Amino acid sequence: MIITNQLLIQKMFKKLFCIFFLAPFCLSAQSFLSAEEAVQIGLKNNFDVLIAHNQAEANSLMNTFGEAGMLPTLALNATAGANQNNIQQKYSNGNEINQNGVTGSNISPSIVLTWTLFDGTKMFITKNKLKEIERLGLVQYKEQMLNTTLRILLSYYDIVRQQMQLKATLEIIAYNEERVKITEGRLNTGLAPKTDYLQAQIDLNIQKENKINFEFQLVDAKRKLNNLLARDASFDYKVEDSITLQPLANRSILEEKMERTNPTLLSFQSQVAISKLSYLESKTSFLPKLVMTSGYNFNKTQNSAGFSLYNQSYGWQSNFALSMPLYQAGKLKHIVQLAKLNIQTLQEQLSQATLAASLSLQSALALYDVRINAYNLEKENEHFARENMNLSLKRLQLGLGTALDVAQAQATFSGSVFRMASFMYDLKTAELNARKQAADF
């Protein structure tokens, strides 16, 4: 009875040890990563996204009334000095001062307020320009997020493709092993030549070589995705078993959404708006500028000898400075002309980008239609090729077929399953490219 209790305690201890100590390692080794989780991790950690976010933050910090020049500036200035001189002074009343080593000191602090009261409304235009620059930074940040999302999804589904090809290779190896078993049995019974067995063994080894290559490609594809997710390249994980396809049903909605949300077009629109504001800024250079300067000054001077032994003054002062350009050798006019020309250039680039985005979307949709038709045909071919492969093996086992028939059926099936994985990936690529143009992830 005591021994039985000890055994129960040992078993319970082993179970608890597995639950609390081994389970975390098992979960870590078998961690699953979905496409959505990959995108979330990438948008959080990817360096390109982080850099774009920092740039957007910098543009946001610059959008202030102070940067636009609408607020006054206040400065504390102070100077202090000491000197020692040999002086010789003669006065009109006949007095003379001749003394060496005369010391003196001076201190002069001041508080100065400077405020641009009028600059031809440039400060208000600049504030609107800073707001548009902030908006451009956000658009560029979103564009980088879209580009990174596309790269992550393509990399993720490339892993799925490599995994599907590896799975197909294992299935082909299983058929080859069955073929080797059948030909070996027929060879031992004298019903088939040795060449059938040798050819089956060669084909099996070739598929095993393919398995090694696909395993390497799978690991390498995982490393590339880890790099996009900014994590250790050796981190291992599992992915989805197959590529999930999402039909592109309503094409008109995608076209409309592309015109409204495509980040490249939004970026050009912001650049056009900024260039128009820069043009208005340049035109204010012809207008007068009024600046007020006000401050409180204190000045104290002391000398041990000389005409002035002590001098102290303090008080406030205020000045207004008005400036207006009268002649700049045509420089201001050229600046305005260049700003106007820049508007035209950006507007033409916007029109060009709009056509290019529409073309890219239409091309992606057309390619999607072509690949979905090819995918459906290959899906049917795979079904036929698998059935043909099974029938060929059965006929060979029953002595009704030849090894050549099986080898041909195997080659057909092998090509079909590999094409199937490639067609699914190509179809997903076309779908993602179309969605990227419409910012529809």
Protein backbone atom coordinates (compact mmCIF):
# COMPACT_ATOMS: atom_id res chain seq x y z
CA MET A 1 0.00 0.00 0.00
CA ILE A 2 2.83 2.35 0.90
CA ILE A 3 4.64 1.50 -2.35
CA THR A 4 1.47 2.20 -4.33
CA ASN A 5 1.09 5.63 -2.72
CA GLN A 6 4.73 6.45 -3.48
CA LEU A 7 4.19 5.53 -7.13
CA LEU A 8 1.11 7.75 -7.30
CA ILE A 9 3.03 10.64 -5.75
CA GLN A 10 5.87 10.15 -8.25
CA LYS A 11 3.42 10.15 -11.15
CA MET A 12 1.72 13.30 -9.87
CA PHE A 13 5.10 14.98 -9.48
CA LYS A 14 6.03 14.07 -13.04
CA LYS A 15 2.76 15.47 -14.36
CA LEU A 16 3.17 18.71 -12.42
CA PHE A 17 6.76 18.99 -13.65
CA CYS A 18 5.62 18.63 -17.25
CA ILE A 19 2.81 21.14 -16.80
CA PHE A 20 4.79 23.89 -15.10
CA PHE A 21 8.28 23.41 -16.51
CA LEU A 22 8.10 21.63 -19.85
CA ALA A 23 4.84 23.08 -21.19
CA PRO A 24 6.20 26.64 -21.74
CA PHE A 25 9.05 25.23 -23.81
CA CYS A 26 6.67 23.07 -25.83
CA LEU A 27 4.39 26.03 -26.51
CA SER A 28 7.35 28.16 -27.51
CA ALA A 29 8.60 25.49 -29.88
CA GLN A 30 5.16 25.16 -31.44
CA SER A 31 4.17 28.84 -31.55
CA PHE A 32 1.67 29.63 -34.29
CA LEU A 33 1.77 32.86 -36.30
CA SER A 34 -1.25 33.95 -38.31
CA ALA A 35 -1.11 36.45 -41.16
CA GLU A 36 -2.95 39.04 -39.06
CA GLU A 37 -0.52 38.59 -36.16
CA ALA A 38 2.44 38.94 -38.52
CA VAL A 39 1.09 42.27 -39.79
CA GLN A 40 0.47 43.50 -36.25
CA ILE A 41 3.99 42.60 -35.12
CA GLY A 42 5.51 44.11 -38.25
CA LEU A 43 3.66 47.42 -37.99
CA LYS A 44 4.79 47.65 -34.39
CA ASN A 45 8.45 46.70 -34.82
CA ASN A 46 9.46 47.19 -38.48
CA PHE A 47 12.24 49.79 -38.71
CA ASP A 48 10.92 51.44 -41.89
CA VAL A 49 7.57 51.98 -40.17
CA LEU A 50 9.24 53.35 -37.04
CA ILE A 51 11.32 55.78 -39.10
CA ALA A 52 8.24 56.99 -40.98
CA HIS A 53 6.42 57.40 -37.65
CA ASN A 54 9.28 59.50 -36.25
CA GLN A 55 9.20 61.72 -39.33
CA ALA A 56 5.45 62.19 -38.94
CA GLU A 57 5.96 63.08 -35.28
CA ALA A 58 8.64 65.61 -36.24
CA ASN A 59 6.27 67.26 -38.73
CA SER A 60 3.59 67.38 -36.04
CA LEU A 61 5.96 69.05 -33.56
CA MET A 62 6.78 71.74 -36.13
CA ASN A 63 3.12 72.70 -36.57
CA THR A 64 2.99 75.49 -33.95
CA PHE A 65 2.20 79.21 -33.89
CA GLY A 66 5.76 79.89 -32.80
CA GLU A 67 7.28 78.12 -35.80
CA ALA A 68 4.95 80.14 -38.03
CA GLY A 69 6.36 83.38 -36.54
CA MET A 70 3.07 84.51 -35.00
CA LEU A 71 4.35 84.78 -31.41
CA PRO A 72 6.88 87.22 -29.90
CA THR A 73 10.32 86.24 -28.69
CA LEU A 74 11.78 87.28 -25.36
CA ALA A 75 15.50 87.26 -24.64
CA LEU A 76 17.68 88.12 -21.67
CA ASN A 77 20.97 89.70 -22.70
CA ALA A 78 23.81 90.65 -20.42
CA THR A 79 27.37 91.83 -20.82
CA ALA A 80 30.00 92.41 -18.14
CA GLY A 81 33.59 93.51 -18.49
CA ALA A 82 36.63 94.82 -16.69
CA ASN A 83 39.63 96.78 -17.93
CA GLN A 84 42.91 98.34 -16.83
CA ASN A 85 44.46 101.27 -18.72
CA ASN A 86 47.15 103.93 -18.51
CA ILE A 87 45.45 107.28 -19.14
CA GLN A 88 46.63 110.73 -20.11
CA GLN A 89 43.90 113.35 -20.32
CA LYS A 90 44.01 117.13 -20.81
CA TYR A 91 40.97 119.32 -20.30
CA SER A 92 40.10 122.74 -21.65
CA ASN A 93 40.44 124.26 -18.19
CA GLY A 94 44.10 123.26 -18.04
CA ASN A 95 43.70 120.23 -15.77
CA GLU A 96 45.62 117.11 -16.62
CA ILE A 97 45.32 113.49 -15.49
CA ASN A 98 48.28 111.15 -15.93
CA GLN A 99 47.86 107.83 -14.20
CA ASN A 100 48.83 104.23 -14.83
CA GLY A 101 46.90 101.09 -13.90
CA VAL A 102 43.48 102.73 -13.96
CA THR A 103 40.81 100.03 -13.46
CA GLY A 104 37.28 100.09 -14.78
CA SER A 105 34.18 97.85 -14.97
CA ASN A 106 30.98 97.71 -16.95
CA ILE A 107 27.76 95.72 -16.56
CA SER A 108 24.82 95.94 -18.93
CA PRO A 109 21.85 93.47 -18.61
CA SER A 110 18.68 93.86 -20.68
CA ILE A 111 15.42 92.12 -21.49
CA VAL A 112 14.35 92.41 -25.13
CA LEU A 113 10.95 91.59 -26.63
CA THR A 114 10.73 91.23 -30.43
CA TRP A 115 7.39 90.80 -32.20
CA THR A 116 6.58 90.81 -35.87
CA LEU A 117 3.30 92.69 -36.07
CA PHE A 118 2.81 92.48 -39.82
CA ASP A 119 4.64 90.57 -42.54
CA GLY A 120 2.14 90.66 -45.37
CA THR A 121 0.09 87.80 -43.80
CA LYS A 122 3.03 85.44 -44.35
CA MET A 123 2.82 84.05 -40.81
CA PHE A 124 -0.79 82.91 -41.33
CA ILE A 125 0.09 81.28 -44.64
CA THR A 126 3.07 79.56 -43.02
CA LYS A 127 0.84 78.18 -40.26
CA ASN A 128 -1.45 76.61 -42.86
CA LYS A 129 1.61 75.29 -44.66
CA LEU A 130 2.92 73.63 -41.46
CA LYS A 131 -0.51 72.04 -40.98
CA GLU A 132 -0.38 70.63 -44.52
CA ILE A 133 3.18 69.37 -43.95
CA GLU A 134 1.94 67.56 -40.85
CA ARG A 135 -0.83 66.00 -42.93
CA LEU A 136 1.73 64.95 -45.56
CA GLY A 137 3.80 63.26 -42.86
CA LEU A 138 0.78 61.24 -41.74
CA VAL A 139 0.00 60.24 -45.33
CA GLN A 140 3.59 59.11 -45.90
CA TYR A 141 3.47 57.20 -42.62
CA LYS A 142 0.29 55.41 -43.75
CA GLU A 143 1.89 54.72 -47.13
CA GLN A 144 4.87 53.10 -45.42
CA MET A 145 2.48 51.03 -43.31
CA LEU A 146 0.68 49.85 -46.46
CA ASN A 147 3.94 48.98 -48.21
CA THR A 148 5.19 47.13 -45.15
CA THR A 149 1.86 45.29 -44.80
CA LEU A 150 2.11 44.13 -48.42
CA ARG A 151 5.71 42.96 -47.96
CA ILE A 152 4.81 41.08 -44.77
CA LEU A 153 1.80 39.35 -46.32
CA LEU A 154 3.74 38.37 -49.45
CA SER A 155 6.56 37.03 -47.28
CA TYR A 156 4.08 35.19 -45.04
CA TYR A 157 2.26 33.50 -47.90
CA ASP A 158 5.58 32.63 -49.50
CA ILE A 159 6.25 30.59 -46.36
CA VAL A 160 2.86 28.93 -46.78
CA ARG A 161 3.71 28.17 -50.41
CA GLN A 162 7.05 26.63 -49.43
CA GLN A 163 5.24 24.61 -46.77
CA MET A 164 2.64 23.42 -49.31
CA GLN A 165 5.39 22.38 -51.72
CA LEU A 166 7.17 20.52 -48.93
CA LYS A 167 3.92 18.77 -48.02
CA ALA A 168 3.39 17.86 -51.68
CA THR A 169 6.94 16.51 -51.82
CA LEU A 170 6.27 14.29 -48.79
CA GLU A 171 3.14 13.00 -50.50
CA ILE A 172 5.10 12.25 -53.67
CA ILE A 173 7.77 10.50 -51.59
CA ALA A 174 5.07 8.32 -50.07
CA TYR A 175 3.88 7.35 -53.57
CA ASN A 176 7.50 6.69 -54.57
CA GLU A 177 8.08 4.50 -51.55
CA GLU A 178 4.97 2.52 -52.46
CA ARG A 179 6.27 2.26 -56.01
CA VAL A 180 9.67 1.02 -54.79
CA LYS A 181 7.94 -1.54 -52.58
CA ILE A 182 5.83 -2.81 -55.47
CA THR A 183 8.71 -3.01 -57.98
CA GLU A 184 10.95 -4.67 -55.39
CA GLY A 185 8.29 -7.30 -54.73
CA ARG A 186 7.76 -7.90 -58.44
CA LEU A 187 11.54 -8.14 -58.90
CA ASN A 188 11.88 -10.73 -56.14
CA THR A 189 9.10 -12.83 -57.68
CA GLY A 190 10.59 -12.53 -61.15
CA LEU A 191 7.60 -10.64 -62.57
CA ALA A 192 9.50 -7.45 -63.46
CA PRO A 193 13.04 -6.48 -64.46
CA LYS A 194 15.49 -4.89 -62.05
CA THR A 195 15.48 -1.70 -64.10
CA ASP A 196 11.96 -0.91 -62.86
CA TYR A 197 13.13 -1.16 -59.27
CA LEU A 198 16.29 0.87 -59.89
CA GLN A 199 14.36 3.62 -61.68
CA ALA A 200 11.84 3.75 -58.84
CA GLN A 201 14.68 4.04 -56.32
CA ILE A 202 16.31 6.83 -58.36
CA ASP A 203 13.05 8.76 -58.56
CA LEU A 204 12.60 8.33 -54.81
CA ASN A 205 16.07 9.72 -54.11
CA ILE A 206 15.39 12.69 -56.40
CA GLN A 207 12.26 13.50 -54.42
CA LYS A 208 14.23 13.22 -51.19
CA GLU A 209 16.70 15.73 -52.64
CA ASN A 210 13.77 18.01 -53.44
CA LYS A 211 12.60 17.62 -49.85
CA ILE A 212 15.99 18.83 -48.58
CA ASN A 213 15.84 21.87 -50.86
CA PHE A 214 12.27 22.73 -49.88
CA GLU A 215 13.14 22.42 -46.19
CA PHE A 216 15.99 24.90 -46.69
CA GLN A 217 13.77 27.28 -48.66
CA LEU A 218 11.12 27.08 -45.94
CA VAL A 219 13.61 27.99 -43.21
CA ASP A 220 15.07 30.77 -45.34
CA ALA A 221 11.59 32.19 -46.02
CA LYS A 222 10.92 32.23 -42.27
CA ARG A 223 14.18 34.11 -41.70
CA LYS A 224 13.14 36.76 -44.22
CA LEU A 225 9.80 37.26 -42.50
CA ASN A 226 11.53 37.47 -39.12
CA ASN A 227 13.70 40.23 -40.56
CA LEU A 228 10.61 42.18 -41.65
CA LEU A 229 9.15 41.70 -38.17
CA ALA A 230 12.41 42.96 -36.61
CA ARG A 231 13.02 39.87 -34.52
CA ASP A 232 15.63 37.14 -34.24
CA ALA A 233 16.11 35.46 -37.62
CA SER A 234 16.38 32.02 -36.01
CA PHE A 235 12.99 32.27 -34.26
CA ASP A 236 10.85 29.35 -35.41
CA TYR A 237 7.07 29.24 -35.69
CA LYS A 238 4.21 27.59 -37.53
CA VAL A 239 2.04 29.24 -40.17
CA GLU A 240 -1.31 28.51 -41.79
CA ASP A 241 -1.70 25.25 -43.75
CA SER A 242 -3.01 26.87 -46.92
CA ILE A 243 -3.29 30.23 -48.64
CA THR A 244 -6.56 31.98 -47.85
CA LEU A 245 -8.10 33.59 -50.92
CA GLN A 246 -10.51 36.53 -50.67
CA PRO A 247 -12.50 37.21 -53.86
CA LEU A 248 -12.38 40.68 -55.38
CA ALA A 249 -16.08 40.97 -56.05
CA ASN A 250 -17.04 44.65 -56.35
CA ARG A 251 -14.48 46.24 -58.69
CA SER A 252 -16.21 49.65 -58.83
CA ILE A 253 -15.87 50.05 -55.05
CA LEU A 254 -12.14 49.30 -55.28
CA GLU A 255 -11.75 51.90 -58.04
CA GLU A 256 -13.63 54.51 -56.03
CA LYS A 257 -11.70 53.69 -52.87
CA MET A 258 -8.41 53.91 -54.75
CA GLU A 259 -9.19 57.49 -55.82
CA ARG A 260 -10.04 58.47 -52.23
CA THR A 261 -7.50 56.58 -50.14
CA ASN A 262 -4.49 55.71 -52.32
CA PRO A 263 -1.59 57.10 -50.23
CA THR A 264 0.52 57.98 -53.27
CA LEU A 265 -2.27 60.17 -54.63
CA LEU A 266 -2.94 61.69 -51.21
CA SER A 267 0.77 62.46 -50.91
CA PHE A 268 0.79 64.32 -54.25
CA GLN A 269 -2.37 66.18 -53.25
CA SER A 270 -0.67 67.39 -50.08
CA GLN A 271 2.43 68.40 -52.03
CA VAL A 272 0.28 70.43 -54.42
CA ALA A 273 -1.39 72.18 -51.47
CA ILE A 274 2.01 72.90 -49.89
CA SER A 275 3.35 74.32 -53.16
CA LYS A 276 0.35 76.65 -53.44
CA LEU A 277 0.98 77.92 -49.93
CA SER A 278 4.68 78.39 -50.74
CA TYR A 279 3.61 80.45 -53.75
CA LEU A 280 1.46 82.67 -51.50
CA GLU A 281 4.39 82.95 -49.09
CA SER A 282 6.68 84.16 -51.85
CA LYS A 283 4.18 86.85 -52.89
CA THR A 284 4.21 88.36 -49.39
CA SER A 285 7.85 89.34 -49.95
CA PHE A 286 6.60 92.37 -51.91
CA LEU A 287 4.65 93.68 -48.91
CA PRO A 288 5.98 95.78 -45.99
CA LYS A 289 7.09 94.25 -42.70
CA LEU A 290 6.55 95.85 -39.30
CA VAL A 291 8.55 94.66 -36.29
CA MET A 292 8.29 95.95 -32.73
CA THR A 293 11.24 95.77 -30.36
CA SER A 294 10.77 96.59 -26.71
CA GLY A 295 12.96 96.09 -23.70
CA TYR A 296 14.28 97.13 -20.34
CA ASN A 297 17.97 98.10 -20.16
CA PHE A 298 20.39 98.64 -17.30
CA ASN A 299 23.92 100.00 -17.72
CA LYS A 300 26.54 100.70 -15.08
CA THR A 301 30.12 101.90 -15.66
CA GLN A 302 32.81 102.56 -13.04
CA ASN A 303 36.38 103.91 -13.43
CA SER A 304 38.99 104.51 -10.74
CA ALA A 305 40.25 107.64 -12.54
CA GLY A 306 39.45 109.75 -15.53
CA PHE A 307 36.78 112.12 -16.70
CA SER A 308 33.88 109.81 -15.78
CA LEU A 309 34.22 107.89 -12.54
CA TYR A 310 30.66 106.53 -12.34
CA ASN A 311 27.82 106.29 -14.85
CA GLN A 312 24.53 104.39 -14.36
CA SER A 313 21.36 104.33 -16.47
CA TYR A 314 18.26 102.14 -16.61
CA GLY A 315 14.79 102.22 -18.12
CA TRP A 316 12.64 100.81 -20.89
CA GLN A 317 12.53 101.55 -24.55
CA SER A 318 10.37 100.60 -27.52
CA ASN A 319 11.10 100.76 -31.24
CA PHE A 320 9.16 100.07 -34.42
CA ALA A 321 10.98 99.03 -37.58
CA LEU A 322 9.24 99.21 -40.95
CA SER A 323 10.88 97.70 -44.02
CA MET A 324 9.64 97.35 -47.56
CA PRO A 325 11.60 96.00 -50.53
CA LEU A 326 11.80 98.51 -53.34
CA TYR A 327 14.31 96.90 -55.68
CA GLN A 328 15.89 93.42 -55.46
CA ALA A 329 17.26 93.10 -59.01
CA GLY A 330 14.30 90.88 -59.96
CA LYS A 331 15.12 88.28 -57.30
CA LEU A 332 11.69 88.33 -55.63
CA LYS A 333 9.94 88.12 -58.98
CA HIS A 334 11.99 85.05 -59.92
CA ILE A 335 11.16 83.37 -56.60
CA VAL A 336 7.43 83.87 -57.25
CA GLN A 337 7.75 82.54 -60.80
CA LEU A 338 9.61 79.44 -59.61
CA ALA A 339 6.98 78.79 -56.94
CA LYS A 340 4.22 79.05 -59.55
CA LEU A 341 6.11 76.71 -61.88
CA ASN A 342 6.50 74.20 -59.03
CA ILE A 343 2.69 74.15 -58.61
CA GLN A 344 2.23 73.26 -62.27
CA THR A 345 4.87 70.51 -62.05
CA LEU A 346 3.27 68.89 -59.00
CA GLN A 347 -0.21 69.10 -60.54
CA GLU A 348 1.07 67.29 -63.62
CA GLN A 349 2.76 64.69 -61.42
CA LEU A 350 -0.55 64.22 -59.56
CA SER A 351 -2.38 63.63 -62.86
CA GLN A 352 0.33 61.20 -63.93
CA ALA A 353 0.19 59.35 -60.59
CA THR A 354 -3.62 59.11 -60.83
CA LEU A 355 -3.40 57.46 -64.24
CA ALA A 356 -0.61 55.16 -63.03
CA ALA A 357 -2.59 54.10 -59.95
CA SER A 358 -5.68 53.39 -62.04
CA LEU A 359 -3.59 51.41 -64.53
CA SER A 360 -1.94 49.42 -61.72
CA LEU A 361 -5.32 48.58 -60.22
CA GLN A 362 -6.81 47.53 -63.56
CA SER A 363 -3.73 45.45 -64.38
CA ALA A 364 -3.84 43.77 -60.97
CA LEU A 365 -7.53 42.97 -61.41
CA ALA A 366 -6.97 41.61 -64.91
CA LEU A 367 -4.06 39.49 -63.69
CA TYR A 368 -6.23 38.27 -60.83
CA ASP A 369 -8.91 37.12 -63.31
CA VAL A 370 -6.32 35.29 -65.42
CA ARG A 371 -4.79 33.56 -62.43
CA ILE A 372 -8.07 32.54 -60.87
CA ASN A 373 -9.04 30.83 -64.13
CA ALA A 374 -5.67 29.06 -64.23
CA TYR A 375 -6.05 28.11 -60.56
CA ASN A 376 -9.49 26.54 -61.14
CA LEU A 377 -8.18 24.52 -64.09
CA GLU A 378 -5.13 23.34 -62.17
CA LYS A 379 -7.31 22.41 -59.21
CA GLU A 380 -9.21 20.08 -61.52
CA ASN A 381 -5.94 18.76 -62.97
CA GLU A 382 -4.63 17.98 -59.50
CA HIS A 383 -7.73 15.91 -58.74
CA PHE A 384 -7.31 13.95 -62.00
CA ALA A 385 -3.55 13.54 -61.50
CA ARG A 386 -3.98 12.16 -57.98
CA GLU A 387 -6.63 9.70 -59.12
CA ASN A 388 -4.45 8.67 -62.05
CA MET A 389 -1.49 8.17 -59.70
CA ASN A 390 -3.47 5.88 -57.39
CA LEU A 391 -4.87 3.86 -60.30
CA SER A 392 -1.43 3.45 -61.85
CA LEU A 393 0.00 2.09 -58.61
CA LYS A 394 -2.87 -0.35 -58.24
CA ARG A 395 -2.52 -1.54 -61.83
CA LEU A 396 1.22 -2.00 -61.31
CA GLN A 397 0.59 -3.97 -58.13
CA LEU A 398 -1.91 -6.19 -59.95
CA GLY A 399 0.42 -6.66 -62.88
CA LEU A 400 -1.91 -4.79 -65.26
CA GLY A 401 0.28 -1.73 -65.75
CA THR A 402 3.91 -0.94 -66.40
CA ALA A 403 6.50 0.93 -64.38
CA LEU A 404 6.68 3.50 -67.19
CA ASP A 405 2.98 4.25 -66.74
CA VAL A 406 3.53 4.82 -63.03
CA ALA A 407 6.59 7.03 -63.63
CA GLN A 408 4.63 9.14 -66.10
CA ALA A 409 1.66 9.42 -63.74
CA GLN A 410 4.01 10.36 -60.93
CA ALA A 411 5.67 13.09 -63.02
CA THR A 412 2.24 14.47 -63.99
CA PHE A 413 1.05 14.46 -60.39
CA SER A 414 4.29 16.04 -59.14
CA GLY A 415 4.09 18.86 -61.65
CA SER A 416 0.41 19.45 -60.88
CA VAL A 417 0.76 19.76 -57.09
CA PHE A 418 3.74 22.11 -57.43
CA ARG A 419 1.89 24.27 -59.97
CA MET A 420 -1.10 24.30 -57.65
CA ALA A 421 0.94 25.84 -54.84
CA SER A 422 2.49 28.38 -57.23
CA PHE A 423 -0.88 29.32 -58.74
CA MET A 424 -2.37 29.88 -55.30
CA TYR A 425 0.54 32.13 -54.33
CA ASP A 426 0.40 34.05 -57.63
CA LEU A 427 -3.35 34.48 -57.21
CA LYS A 428 -2.86 35.78 -53.66
CA THR A 429 -0.15 38.14 -54.91
CA ALA A 430 -2.49 39.60 -57.53
CA GLU A 431 -5.22 40.00 -54.91
CA LEU A 432 -2.89 41.76 -52.44
CA ASN A 433 -1.52 44.10 -55.12
CA ALA A 434 -5.05 45.10 -56.09
CA ARG A 435 -6.00 45.71 -52.47
CA LYS A 436 -2.84 47.70 -51.87
CA GLN A 437 -3.73 50.12 -54.68
CA ALA A 438 -7.09 50.74 -52.98
CA ALA A 439 -5.61 50.71 -49.45
CA ASP A 440 -8.03 47.85 -48.72
CA PHE A 441 -6.03 45.65 -46.35
